Amino acid sequence: MRLVLEVADDLKVVGEAENGVEAIDLVAREAPDVIVMDIRMPELDGIEATRRLVARGARTRVLVVTTFDLDEYVFEALRAGASGFLLKDAAPDSLADAIRTVAGGDALLAPSVTRQLVEHFVRRTSPDAELTGRLAELTERELDVMRLVARGMTNAEIAAELYLGEGTVKTHITSLLAKLGLRNRAQIVVAAYEGGLVEVGGSPLEGR
């Protein structure tokens, strides 16, 4: 991966770590914009490492890499605060583009794969009562935006769907993150399913 990334003029590899403990220390020392995190690592796995980085308030965004797209650990990583995930066999250009996407503040969530991933694990549980209560405090427009984020739509697509300006959509998303205590767009997707706002197999604006 290092060799692939060093070819890109706009990307700089500031360090490498062999396990989660080293990854946390590296982030504390170098404060990178993005960390490419393997899920399965010795000493401390990528999920717990992500949780600890989030708990420490690290601004570094986490991009997890995995062998399989339908992987319960990926779902847990998104829940923990990762900004997205990428398969290890992705093309070299995809890795660089993924890092740029995450560094820019967007979530790397391919709609079809993410929906399949989230629904696969959420369908086994009942809606989270505490989260459902917090969702009840959102405005109708915020709920609409959240449903569409959960469907993998971009800000531009959401703006067109709801006849809003992109700036207004960004404002609603910022409000969602603050009200729900979430870190990023990926966690909005997970919360929409876990809170029962979007049901498995439902339509994008169900519940309106």
N, C-alpha and C. Protein backbone atom coordinates (compact mmCIF):
# COMPACT_ATOMS: atom_id res chain seq x y z
N MET A 1 0.83 -1.20 0.00
CA MET A 1 0.00 0.00 0.00
C MET A 1 0.87 1.26 0.00
N ARG A 2 1.94 1.21 0.76
CA ARG A 2 2.82 2.37 0.81
C ARG A 2 3.37 2.70 -0.58
N LEU A 3 3.80 1.68 -1.29
CA LEU A 3 4.35 1.89 -2.62
C LEU A 3 3.30 2.50 -3.56
N VAL A 4 2.08 2.03 -3.42
CA VAL A 4 0.98 2.54 -4.25
C VAL A 4 0.72 4.01 -3.95
N LEU A 5 0.68 4.36 -2.67
CA LEU A 5 0.33 5.71 -2.27
C LEU A 5 1.44 6.72 -2.53
N GLU A 6 2.68 6.27 -2.47
CA GLU A 6 3.78 7.20 -2.67
C GLU A 6 3.89 7.69 -4.11
N VAL A 7 3.19 7.02 -5.02
CA VAL A 7 3.17 7.46 -6.41
C VAL A 7 2.33 8.72 -6.57
N ALA A 8 1.33 8.89 -5.69
CA ALA A 8 0.43 10.04 -5.77
C ALA A 8 1.11 11.30 -5.24
N ASP A 9 1.12 12.35 -6.04
CA ASP A 9 1.79 13.59 -5.65
C ASP A 9 1.13 14.28 -4.46
N ASP A 10 -0.19 14.08 -4.30
CA ASP A 10 -0.92 14.80 -3.25
C ASP A 10 -1.06 14.00 -1.97
N LEU A 11 -0.46 12.82 -1.90
CA LEU A 11 -0.55 11.99 -0.70
C LEU A 11 0.84 11.73 -0.13
N LYS A 12 0.92 11.73 1.19
CA LYS A 12 2.20 11.47 1.84
C LYS A 12 1.99 10.45 2.96
N VAL A 13 2.75 9.38 2.93
CA VAL A 13 2.69 8.37 3.98
C VAL A 13 3.62 8.82 5.11
N VAL A 14 3.05 9.07 6.29
CA VAL A 14 3.86 9.59 7.40
C VAL A 14 4.26 8.49 8.38
N GLY A 15 3.76 7.27 8.19
CA GLY A 15 4.15 6.21 9.10
C GLY A 15 3.39 4.92 8.85
N GLU A 16 3.88 3.84 9.46
CA GLU A 16 3.24 2.54 9.37
C GLU A 16 3.21 1.91 10.76
N ALA A 17 2.20 1.09 11.00
CA ALA A 17 2.06 0.42 12.29
C ALA A 17 1.72 -1.04 12.07
N GLU A 18 2.20 -1.90 12.95
CA GLU A 18 1.97 -3.34 12.81
C GLU A 18 0.77 -3.83 13.61
N ASN A 19 0.25 -3.01 14.51
CA ASN A 19 -0.91 -3.41 15.31
C ASN A 19 -1.65 -2.17 15.78
N GLY A 20 -2.79 -2.40 16.46
CA GLY A 20 -3.63 -1.29 16.89
C GLY A 20 -2.97 -0.37 17.89
N VAL A 21 -2.17 -0.92 18.77
CA VAL A 21 -1.49 -0.10 19.77
C VAL A 21 -0.53 0.87 19.08
N GLU A 22 0.25 0.34 18.14
CA GLU A 22 1.18 1.20 17.40
C GLU A 22 0.43 2.24 16.58
N ALA A 23 -0.73 1.86 16.06
CA ALA A 23 -1.53 2.79 15.25
C ALA A 23 -1.97 3.99 16.08
N ILE A 24 -2.42 3.72 17.31
CA ILE A 24 -2.86 4.81 18.20
C ILE A 24 -1.69 5.73 18.53
N ASP A 25 -0.56 5.14 18.83
CA ASP A 25 0.63 5.95 19.14
C ASP A 25 1.05 6.78 17.93
N LEU A 26 0.94 6.19 16.75
CA LEU A 26 1.33 6.89 15.53
C LEU A 26 0.43 8.10 15.29
N VAL A 27 -0.87 7.93 15.51
CA VAL A 27 -1.81 9.04 15.32
C VAL A 27 -1.51 10.16 16.31
N ALA A 28 -1.20 9.79 17.55
CA ALA A 28 -0.88 10.79 18.56
C ALA A 28 0.38 11.57 18.19
N ARG A 29 1.31 10.89 17.56
CA ARG A 29 2.60 11.51 17.23
C ARG A 29 2.56 12.31 15.94
N GLU A 30 1.88 11.78 14.92
CA GLU A 30 1.92 12.38 13.58
C GLU A 30 0.66 13.14 13.20
N ALA A 31 -0.46 12.85 13.88
CA ALA A 31 -1.75 13.49 13.57
C ALA A 31 -2.07 13.48 12.08
N PRO A 32 -2.08 12.31 11.44
CA PRO A 32 -2.38 12.25 10.01
C PRO A 32 -3.84 12.61 9.73
N ASP A 33 -4.11 13.01 8.50
CA ASP A 33 -5.49 13.32 8.11
C ASP A 33 -6.32 12.04 8.06
N VAL A 34 -5.71 10.95 7.58
CA VAL A 34 -6.42 9.68 7.42
C VAL A 34 -5.51 8.54 7.86
N ILE A 35 -6.09 7.54 8.52
CA ILE A 35 -5.36 6.32 8.82
C ILE A 35 -6.06 5.17 8.11
N VAL A 36 -5.31 4.39 7.36
CA VAL A 36 -5.85 3.21 6.69
C VAL A 36 -5.69 2.05 7.66
N MET A 37 -6.80 1.59 8.19
CA MET A 37 -6.79 0.66 9.32
C MET A 37 -7.23 -0.75 8.91
N ASP A 38 -6.38 -1.71 9.14
CA ASP A 38 -6.77 -3.11 8.95
C ASP A 38 -7.64 -3.49 10.15
N ILE A 39 -8.64 -4.32 9.92
CA ILE A 39 -9.52 -4.71 11.02
C ILE A 39 -8.86 -5.77 11.90
N ARG A 40 -8.29 -6.77 11.28
CA ARG A 40 -7.70 -7.86 12.05
C ARG A 40 -6.20 -7.62 12.23
N MET A 41 -5.83 -7.27 13.46
CA MET A 41 -4.43 -7.02 13.79
C MET A 41 -4.11 -7.62 15.15
N PRO A 42 -2.85 -7.95 15.42
CA PRO A 42 -2.47 -8.48 16.74
C PRO A 42 -2.50 -7.39 17.81
N GLU A 43 -2.54 -7.83 19.07
CA GLU A 43 -2.52 -6.96 20.25
C GLU A 43 -3.79 -6.14 20.41
N LEU A 44 -4.14 -5.37 19.39
CA LEU A 44 -5.35 -4.55 19.44
C LEU A 44 -5.92 -4.47 18.04
N ASP A 45 -7.18 -4.93 17.86
CA ASP A 45 -7.72 -4.95 16.50
C ASP A 45 -8.14 -3.55 16.05
N GLY A 46 -8.46 -3.44 14.77
CA GLY A 46 -8.78 -2.15 14.19
C GLY A 46 -10.04 -1.52 14.74
N ILE A 47 -11.00 -2.34 15.18
CA ILE A 47 -12.25 -1.81 15.73
C ILE A 47 -11.99 -1.10 17.05
N GLU A 48 -11.29 -1.78 17.97
CA GLU A 48 -11.01 -1.17 19.26
C GLU A 48 -10.07 0.02 19.11
N ALA A 49 -9.14 -0.08 18.18
CA ALA A 49 -8.23 1.05 17.94
C ALA A 49 -9.04 2.26 17.46
N THR A 50 -10.02 2.03 16.60
CA THR A 50 -10.87 3.11 16.13
C THR A 50 -11.67 3.71 17.28
N ARG A 51 -12.24 2.87 18.13
CA ARG A 51 -13.00 3.36 19.28
C ARG A 51 -12.13 4.26 20.17
N ARG A 52 -10.91 3.83 20.42
CA ARG A 52 -10.03 4.58 21.29
C ARG A 52 -9.61 5.91 20.67
N LEU A 53 -9.40 5.91 19.37
CA LEU A 53 -9.07 7.16 18.69
C LEU A 53 -10.23 8.15 18.78
N VAL A 54 -11.45 7.65 18.58
CA VAL A 54 -12.63 8.50 18.67
C VAL A 54 -12.79 9.02 20.10
N ALA A 55 -12.61 8.14 21.08
CA ALA A 55 -12.76 8.54 22.49
C ALA A 55 -11.74 9.62 22.88
N ARG A 56 -10.58 9.59 22.26
CA ARG A 56 -9.54 10.58 22.55
C ARG A 56 -9.76 11.89 21.80
N GLY A 57 -10.77 11.90 20.95
CA GLY A 57 -11.06 13.12 20.20
C GLY A 57 -10.13 13.34 19.02
N ALA A 58 -9.50 12.30 18.55
CA ALA A 58 -8.58 12.43 17.41
C ALA A 58 -9.34 12.90 16.18
N ARG A 59 -8.77 13.86 15.46
CA ARG A 59 -9.40 14.38 14.25
C ARG A 59 -9.08 13.50 13.03
N THR A 60 -8.16 12.58 13.19
CA THR A 60 -7.80 11.67 12.11
C THR A 60 -9.00 10.82 11.70
N ARG A 61 -9.27 10.76 10.40
CA ARG A 61 -10.39 9.95 9.92
C ARG A 61 -9.89 8.53 9.63
N VAL A 62 -10.75 7.56 9.87
CA VAL A 62 -10.37 6.16 9.74
C VAL A 62 -11.01 5.53 8.52
N LEU A 63 -10.17 4.94 7.69
CA LEU A 63 -10.63 4.16 6.53
C LEU A 63 -10.22 2.72 6.79
N VAL A 64 -11.20 1.83 6.97
CA VAL A 64 -10.87 0.45 7.26
C VAL A 64 -10.77 -0.36 5.97
N VAL A 65 -9.89 -1.32 5.96
CA VAL A 65 -9.75 -2.21 4.82
C VAL A 65 -10.04 -3.63 5.27
N THR A 66 -10.70 -4.39 4.42
CA THR A 66 -11.10 -5.74 4.79
C THR A 66 -11.07 -6.65 3.57
N THR A 67 -11.08 -7.93 3.82
CA THR A 67 -11.05 -8.91 2.74
C THR A 67 -12.43 -9.14 2.16
N PHE A 68 -13.46 -9.09 3.01
CA PHE A 68 -14.82 -9.38 2.57
C PHE A 68 -15.73 -8.20 2.85
N ASP A 69 -16.63 -7.89 1.89
CA ASP A 69 -17.52 -6.75 2.08
C ASP A 69 -18.59 -7.05 3.13
N LEU A 70 -19.09 -8.29 3.17
CA LEU A 70 -20.07 -8.65 4.19
C LEU A 70 -19.33 -9.22 5.39
N ASP A 71 -18.90 -8.35 6.23
CA ASP A 71 -18.06 -8.72 7.36
C ASP A 71 -18.58 -7.99 8.59
N GLU A 72 -18.99 -8.76 9.60
CA GLU A 72 -19.55 -8.14 10.80
C GLU A 72 -18.58 -7.14 11.42
N TYR A 73 -17.30 -7.39 11.27
CA TYR A 73 -16.31 -6.48 11.84
C TYR A 73 -16.35 -5.11 11.14
N VAL A 74 -16.68 -5.11 9.86
CA VAL A 74 -16.79 -3.83 9.15
C VAL A 74 -17.94 -3.02 9.73
N PHE A 75 -19.07 -3.68 9.97
CA PHE A 75 -20.22 -3.01 10.57
C PHE A 75 -19.84 -2.42 11.92
N GLU A 76 -19.13 -3.18 12.73
CA GLU A 76 -18.71 -2.69 14.05
C GLU A 76 -17.73 -1.52 13.91
N ALA A 77 -16.90 -1.55 12.88
CA ALA A 77 -15.95 -0.46 12.66
C ALA A 77 -16.69 0.83 12.31
N LEU A 78 -17.71 0.72 11.47
CA LEU A 78 -18.51 1.90 11.13
C LEU A 78 -19.22 2.42 12.36
N ARG A 79 -19.74 1.52 13.16
CA ARG A 79 -20.40 1.92 14.39
C ARG A 79 -19.42 2.60 15.34
N ALA A 80 -18.19 2.14 15.33
CA ALA A 80 -17.17 2.70 16.23
C ALA A 80 -16.71 4.09 15.79
N GLY A 81 -16.93 4.44 14.52
CA GLY A 81 -16.54 5.77 14.09
C GLY A 81 -15.71 5.84 12.83
N ALA A 82 -15.50 4.70 12.16
CA ALA A 82 -14.76 4.72 10.90
C ALA A 82 -15.56 5.49 9.85
N SER A 83 -14.86 6.16 8.95
CA SER A 83 -15.53 6.97 7.92
C SER A 83 -15.90 6.17 6.69
N GLY A 84 -15.46 4.93 6.61
CA GLY A 84 -15.79 4.11 5.45
C GLY A 84 -14.93 2.88 5.39
N PHE A 85 -15.13 2.08 4.35
CA PHE A 85 -14.34 0.87 4.23
C PHE A 85 -14.04 0.58 2.77
N LEU A 86 -13.00 -0.19 2.57
CA LEU A 86 -12.54 -0.53 1.23
C LEU A 86 -12.05 -1.97 1.25
N LEU A 87 -12.30 -2.69 0.16
CA LEU A 87 -11.82 -4.06 0.07
C LEU A 87 -10.33 -4.07 -0.25
N LYS A 88 -9.61 -5.04 0.32
CA LYS A 88 -8.17 -5.10 0.11
C LYS A 88 -7.77 -5.34 -1.33
N ASP A 89 -8.65 -5.93 -2.11
CA ASP A 89 -8.31 -6.21 -3.50
C ASP A 89 -8.75 -5.09 -4.45
N ALA A 90 -9.10 -3.93 -3.88
CA ALA A 90 -9.50 -2.80 -4.72
C ALA A 90 -8.32 -2.33 -5.56
N ALA A 91 -8.59 -1.73 -6.68
CA ALA A 91 -7.54 -1.23 -7.57
C ALA A 91 -6.73 -0.14 -6.86
N PRO A 92 -5.45 -0.02 -7.19
CA PRO A 92 -4.60 0.99 -6.57
C PRO A 92 -5.19 2.40 -6.60
N ASP A 93 -5.77 2.78 -7.74
CA ASP A 93 -6.37 4.10 -7.85
C ASP A 93 -7.53 4.26 -6.88
N SER A 94 -8.24 3.16 -6.62
CA SER A 94 -9.38 3.21 -5.71
C SER A 94 -8.92 3.53 -4.29
N LEU A 95 -7.78 2.99 -3.89
CA LEU A 95 -7.26 3.26 -2.56
C LEU A 95 -6.93 4.74 -2.40
N ALA A 96 -6.24 5.30 -3.37
CA ALA A 96 -5.88 6.72 -3.32
C ALA A 96 -7.14 7.59 -3.32
N ASP A 97 -8.11 7.25 -4.17
CA ASP A 97 -9.35 8.02 -4.23
C ASP A 97 -10.14 7.90 -2.92
N ALA A 98 -10.10 6.73 -2.32
CA ALA A 98 -10.79 6.52 -1.05
C ALA A 98 -10.21 7.41 0.04
N ILE A 99 -8.90 7.50 0.07
CA ILE A 99 -8.24 8.35 1.07
C ILE A 99 -8.60 9.81 0.85
N ARG A 100 -8.62 10.23 -0.41
CA ARG A 100 -9.00 11.62 -0.72
C ARG A 100 -10.45 11.89 -0.29
N THR A 101 -11.33 10.93 -0.55
CA THR A 101 -12.74 11.09 -0.20
C THR A 101 -12.91 11.26 1.30
N VAL A 102 -12.28 10.37 2.06
CA VAL A 102 -12.39 10.41 3.51
C VAL A 102 -11.72 11.67 4.08
N ALA A 103 -10.57 12.04 3.51
CA ALA A 103 -9.86 13.24 3.97
C ALA A 103 -10.71 14.49 3.76
N GLY A 104 -11.54 14.47 2.70
CA GLY A 104 -12.39 15.61 2.41
C GLY A 104 -13.63 15.70 3.29
N GLY A 105 -13.81 14.72 4.16
CA GLY A 105 -14.94 14.77 5.09
C GLY A 105 -16.13 13.95 4.67
N ASP A 106 -16.05 13.29 3.52
CA ASP A 106 -17.16 12.45 3.07
C ASP A 106 -16.99 11.03 3.58
N ALA A 107 -18.09 10.29 3.54
CA ALA A 107 -18.02 8.88 3.93
C ALA A 107 -17.83 8.04 2.68
N LEU A 108 -17.03 7.01 2.80
CA LEU A 108 -16.82 6.10 1.68
C LEU A 108 -17.80 4.95 1.85
N LEU A 109 -18.99 5.11 1.30
CA LEU A 109 -20.05 4.13 1.49
C LEU A 109 -20.71 3.83 0.15
N ALA A 110 -20.26 2.81 -0.52
CA ALA A 110 -20.93 2.41 -1.75
C ALA A 110 -22.35 1.99 -1.39
N PRO A 111 -23.37 2.67 -1.91
CA PRO A 111 -24.76 2.44 -1.47
C PRO A 111 -25.19 0.98 -1.43
N SER A 112 -24.96 0.23 -2.51
CA SER A 112 -25.44 -1.15 -2.56
C SER A 112 -24.76 -2.03 -1.53
N VAL A 113 -23.44 -1.91 -1.43
CA VAL A 113 -22.69 -2.75 -0.50
C VAL A 113 -23.00 -2.37 0.94
N THR A 114 -23.05 -1.06 1.21
CA THR A 114 -23.30 -0.60 2.58
C THR A 114 -24.68 -0.98 3.05
N ARG A 115 -25.66 -0.81 2.19
CA ARG A 115 -27.02 -1.17 2.58
C ARG A 115 -27.10 -2.66 2.87
N GLN A 116 -26.47 -3.46 2.03
CA GLN A 116 -26.47 -4.91 2.24
C GLN A 116 -25.78 -5.26 3.56
N LEU A 117 -24.67 -4.60 3.82
CA LEU A 117 -23.91 -4.84 5.04
C LEU A 117 -24.71 -4.48 6.28
N VAL A 118 -25.25 -3.26 6.29
CA VAL A 118 -26.00 -2.79 7.46
C VAL A 118 -27.25 -3.63 7.69
N GLU A 119 -28.00 -3.88 6.61
CA GLU A 119 -29.24 -4.63 6.76
C GLU A 119 -28.98 -6.06 7.23
N HIS A 120 -27.87 -6.63 6.79
CA HIS A 120 -27.54 -8.01 7.16
C HIS A 120 -27.41 -8.16 8.68
N PHE A 121 -26.85 -7.15 9.33
CA PHE A 121 -26.63 -7.26 10.77
C PHE A 121 -27.73 -6.60 11.61
N VAL A 122 -28.35 -5.54 11.08
CA VAL A 122 -29.39 -4.88 11.85
C VAL A 122 -30.68 -5.69 11.86
N ARG A 123 -30.94 -6.47 10.81
CA ARG A 123 -32.19 -7.24 10.75
C ARG A 123 -32.28 -8.24 11.91
N ARG A 124 -31.17 -8.52 12.58
CA ARG A 124 -31.17 -9.51 13.65
C ARG A 124 -31.54 -8.90 15.00
N THR A 125 -31.69 -7.58 15.07
CA THR A 125 -31.96 -6.94 16.34
C THR A 125 -33.17 -6.03 16.26
N SER A 126 -33.76 -5.69 17.41
CA SER A 126 -34.86 -4.74 17.48
C SER A 126 -34.28 -3.33 17.51
N PRO A 127 -35.09 -2.31 17.11
CA PRO A 127 -34.59 -0.93 17.15
C PRO A 127 -34.09 -0.56 18.55
N ASP A 128 -33.04 0.22 18.60
CA ASP A 128 -32.46 0.68 19.85
C ASP A 128 -33.39 1.73 20.46
N ALA A 129 -33.96 1.43 21.65
CA ALA A 129 -34.96 2.30 22.27
C ALA A 129 -34.39 3.69 22.58
N GLU A 130 -33.17 3.73 23.12
CA GLU A 130 -32.57 5.02 23.46
C GLU A 130 -32.35 5.87 22.21
N LEU A 131 -31.87 5.24 21.16
CA LEU A 131 -31.62 5.96 19.92
C LEU A 131 -32.94 6.41 19.30
N THR A 132 -33.95 5.58 19.37
CA THR A 132 -35.27 5.94 18.84
C THR A 132 -35.79 7.19 19.53
N GLY A 133 -35.54 7.28 20.84
CA GLY A 133 -35.95 8.46 21.60
C GLY A 133 -35.25 9.71 21.13
N ARG A 134 -33.97 9.60 20.84
CA ARG A 134 -33.21 10.77 20.35
C ARG A 134 -33.67 11.16 18.95
N LEU A 135 -34.04 10.18 18.14
CA LEU A 135 -34.53 10.48 16.79
C LEU A 135 -35.83 11.27 16.86
N ALA A 136 -36.62 11.03 17.91
CA ALA A 136 -37.90 11.73 18.06
C ALA A 136 -37.71 13.23 18.28
N GLU A 137 -36.50 13.63 18.66
CA GLU A 137 -36.22 15.04 18.91
C GLU A 137 -35.80 15.78 17.65
N LEU A 138 -35.61 15.05 16.55
CA LEU A 138 -35.21 15.68 15.30
C LEU A 138 -36.41 16.29 14.58
N THR A 139 -36.16 17.30 13.75
CA THR A 139 -37.23 17.89 12.95
C THR A 139 -37.56 16.95 11.79
N GLU A 140 -38.71 17.17 11.18
CA GLU A 140 -39.11 16.33 10.05
C GLU A 140 -38.10 16.43 8.90
N ARG A 141 -37.59 17.64 8.67
CA ARG A 141 -36.63 17.80 7.59
C ARG A 141 -35.32 17.08 7.90
N GLU A 142 -34.89 17.13 9.16
CA GLU A 142 -33.68 16.41 9.55
C GLU A 142 -33.87 14.91 9.38
N LEU A 143 -35.06 14.41 9.68
CA LEU A 143 -35.35 12.99 9.50
C LEU A 143 -35.33 12.62 8.01
N ASP A 144 -35.87 13.51 7.17
CA ASP A 144 -35.84 13.26 5.73
C ASP A 144 -34.40 13.14 5.23
N VAL A 145 -33.57 14.09 5.67
CA VAL A 145 -32.17 14.09 5.26
C VAL A 145 -31.47 12.82 5.75
N MET A 146 -31.75 12.42 6.97
CA MET A 146 -31.13 11.24 7.55
C MET A 146 -31.50 9.99 6.77
N ARG A 147 -32.76 9.87 6.37
CA ARG A 147 -33.20 8.71 5.59
C ARG A 147 -32.45 8.63 4.26
N LEU A 148 -32.25 9.77 3.63
CA LEU A 148 -31.59 9.78 2.33
C LEU A 148 -30.09 9.55 2.46
N VAL A 149 -29.49 10.03 3.54
CA VAL A 149 -28.09 9.71 3.80
C VAL A 149 -27.95 8.20 3.96
N ALA A 150 -28.92 7.60 4.65
CA ALA A 150 -28.89 6.15 4.89
C ALA A 150 -29.03 5.36 3.59
N ARG A 151 -29.58 5.99 2.57
CA ARG A 151 -29.71 5.33 1.27
C ARG A 151 -28.50 5.56 0.39
N GLY A 152 -27.48 6.23 0.95
CA GLY A 152 -26.24 6.40 0.21
C GLY A 152 -26.21 7.61 -0.70
N MET A 153 -27.17 8.53 -0.57
CA MET A 153 -27.21 9.70 -1.43
C MET A 153 -26.15 10.73 -1.04
N THR A 154 -25.63 11.44 -2.03
CA THR A 154 -24.70 12.54 -1.78
C THR A 154 -25.50 13.77 -1.39
N ASN A 155 -24.79 14.81 -0.92
CA ASN A 155 -25.47 16.06 -0.57
C ASN A 155 -26.20 16.65 -1.76
N ALA A 156 -25.57 16.57 -2.93
CA ALA A 156 -26.20 17.11 -4.14
C ALA A 156 -27.48 16.35 -4.48
N GLU A 157 -27.45 15.03 -4.34
CA GLU A 157 -28.63 14.22 -4.63
C GLU A 157 -29.74 14.48 -3.63
N ILE A 158 -29.37 14.65 -2.37
CA ILE A 158 -30.36 14.95 -1.32
C ILE A 158 -30.99 16.31 -1.58
N ALA A 159 -30.16 17.28 -1.95
CA ALA A 159 -30.66 18.63 -2.24
C ALA A 159 -31.68 18.59 -3.37
N ALA A 160 -31.39 17.83 -4.43
CA ALA A 160 -32.31 17.73 -5.56
C ALA A 160 -33.60 17.02 -5.16
N GLU A 161 -33.47 15.96 -4.36
CA GLU A 161 -34.64 15.19 -3.92
C GLU A 161 -35.58 16.02 -3.06
N LEU A 162 -35.02 16.84 -2.19
CA LEU A 162 -35.82 17.61 -1.22
C LEU A 162 -36.01 19.07 -1.62
N TYR A 163 -35.50 19.44 -2.80
CA TYR A 163 -35.60 20.82 -3.29
C TYR A 163 -34.97 21.81 -2.30
N LEU A 164 -33.76 21.48 -1.88
CA LEU A 164 -33.02 22.33 -0.96
C LEU A 164 -31.68 22.70 -1.58
N GLY A 165 -31.03 23.71 -1.02
CA GLY A 165 -29.68 24.04 -1.45
C GLY A 165 -28.71 23.08 -0.77
N GLU A 166 -27.54 22.85 -1.40
CA GLU A 166 -26.56 21.94 -0.80
C GLU A 166 -26.08 22.47 0.55
N GLY A 167 -25.98 23.78 0.68
CA GLY A 167 -25.57 24.37 1.95
C GLY A 167 -26.56 24.04 3.05
N THR A 168 -27.84 24.03 2.71
CA THR A 168 -28.88 23.70 3.70
C THR A 168 -28.78 22.24 4.11
N VAL A 169 -28.50 21.39 3.13
CA VAL A 169 -28.33 19.96 3.44
C VAL A 169 -27.15 19.77 4.40
N LYS A 170 -26.03 20.45 4.12
CA LYS A 170 -24.85 20.35 4.99
C LYS A 170 -25.19 20.81 6.40
N THR A 171 -26.00 21.88 6.51
CA THR A 171 -26.41 22.39 7.82
C THR A 171 -27.22 21.34 8.58
N HIS A 172 -28.14 20.69 7.87
CA HIS A 172 -28.96 19.64 8.50
C HIS A 172 -28.08 18.48 8.97
N ILE A 173 -27.10 18.10 8.17
CA ILE A 173 -26.23 16.99 8.54
C ILE A 173 -25.38 17.35 9.75
N THR A 174 -24.88 18.58 9.79
CA THR A 174 -24.13 19.04 10.96
C THR A 174 -25.00 19.00 12.21
N SER A 175 -26.26 19.39 12.05
CA SER A 175 -27.20 19.35 13.18
C SER A 175 -27.46 17.92 13.63
N LEU A 176 -27.60 17.00 12.66
CA LEU A 176 -27.81 15.59 12.99
C LEU A 176 -26.65 15.04 13.81
N LEU A 177 -25.45 15.32 13.38
CA LEU A 177 -24.26 14.83 14.08
C LEU A 177 -24.23 15.35 15.51
N ALA A 178 -24.55 16.62 15.67
CA ALA A 178 -24.51 17.23 17.00
C ALA A 178 -25.61 16.67 17.92
N LYS A 179 -26.83 16.60 17.40
CA LYS A 179 -27.95 16.15 18.22
C LYS A 179 -27.85 14.68 18.61
N LEU A 180 -27.29 13.87 17.73
CA LEU A 180 -27.21 12.43 17.99
C LEU A 180 -25.86 12.00 18.56
N GLY A 181 -24.94 12.95 18.68
CA GLY A 181 -23.63 12.63 19.23
C GLY A 181 -22.83 11.70 18.32
N LEU A 182 -22.95 11.90 17.01
CA LEU A 182 -22.27 11.05 16.05
C LEU A 182 -21.04 11.74 15.49
N ARG A 183 -20.13 10.93 14.94
CA ARG A 183 -18.86 11.45 14.46
C ARG A 183 -18.85 11.78 12.97
N ASN A 184 -19.57 10.99 12.18
CA ASN A 184 -19.49 11.18 10.74
C ASN A 184 -20.73 10.63 10.03
N ARG A 185 -20.71 10.75 8.73
CA ARG A 185 -21.82 10.33 7.88
C ARG A 185 -22.08 8.82 7.96
N ALA A 186 -21.00 8.06 8.09
CA ALA A 186 -21.16 6.61 8.19
C ALA A 186 -21.99 6.23 9.41
N GLN A 187 -21.76 6.93 10.52
CA GLN A 187 -22.53 6.62 11.74
C GLN A 187 -23.99 7.04 11.59
N ILE A 188 -24.27 8.04 10.76
CA ILE A 188 -25.66 8.41 10.50
C ILE A 188 -26.38 7.25 9.84
N VAL A 189 -25.71 6.59 8.90
CA VAL A 189 -26.30 5.43 8.21
C VAL A 189 -26.63 4.33 9.21
N VAL A 190 -25.68 3.99 10.05
CA VAL A 190 -25.88 2.93 11.03
C VAL A 190 -27.01 3.31 11.99
N ALA A 191 -27.01 4.56 12.46
CA ALA A 191 -28.03 5.01 13.41
C ALA A 191 -29.43 4.98 12.80
N ALA A 192 -29.54 5.30 11.52
CA ALA A 192 -30.84 5.29 10.85
C ALA A 192 -31.46 3.89 10.86
N TYR A 193 -30.62 2.89 10.67
CA TYR A 193 -31.10 1.51 10.71
C TYR A 193 -31.33 1.04 12.14
N GLU A 194 -30.38 1.30 13.02
CA GLU A 194 -30.50 0.82 14.40
C GLU A 194 -31.65 1.48 15.14
N GLY A 195 -31.97 2.72 14.77
CA GLY A 195 -33.07 3.42 15.43
C GLY A 195 -34.42 3.14 14.80
N GLY A 196 -34.45 2.32 13.75
CA GLY A 196 -35.71 1.96 13.11
C GLY A 196 -36.24 3.04 12.18
N LEU A 197 -35.44 4.08 11.90
CA LEU A 197 -35.90 5.14 11.00
C LEU A 197 -36.03 4.62 9.58
N VAL A 198 -35.09 3.78 9.18
CA VAL A 198 -35.14 3.12 7.87
C VAL A 198 -35.26 1.64 8.13
N GLU A 199 -36.28 1.03 7.55
CA GLU A 199 -36.49 -0.39 7.74
C GLU A 199 -35.87 -1.18 6.60
N VAL A 200 -35.51 -2.39 6.90
CA VAL A 200 -34.94 -3.26 5.87
C VAL A 200 -35.90 -3.40 4.72
N GLY A 201 -35.41 -3.02 3.52
CA GLY A 201 -36.24 -3.13 2.32
C GLY A 201 -37.22 -2.01 2.12
N GLY A 202 -37.18 -0.98 3.01
CA GLY A 202 -38.12 0.12 2.91
C GLY A 202 -37.75 1.13 1.85
N SER A 203 -38.62 2.09 1.60
CA SER A 203 -38.36 3.14 0.61
C SER A 203 -37.60 4.28 1.27
N PRO A 204 -36.90 5.11 0.48
CA PRO A 204 -36.06 6.15 1.02
C PRO A 204 -36.75 7.13 1.95
N LEU A 205 -38.02 7.46 1.70
CA LEU A 205 -38.70 8.44 2.55
C LEU A 205 -39.85 7.81 3.32
N GLU A 206 -39.68 6.56 3.70
CA GLU A 206 -40.69 5.86 4.47
C GLU A 206 -40.86 6.57 5.81
N GLY A 207 -42.04 6.52 6.33
CA GLY A 207 -42.28 7.08 7.65
C GLY A 207 -42.68 8.54 7.62
N ARG A 208 -42.74 9.16 6.43
CA ARG A 208 -43.10 10.58 6.35
C ARG A 208 -44.58 10.74 6.58
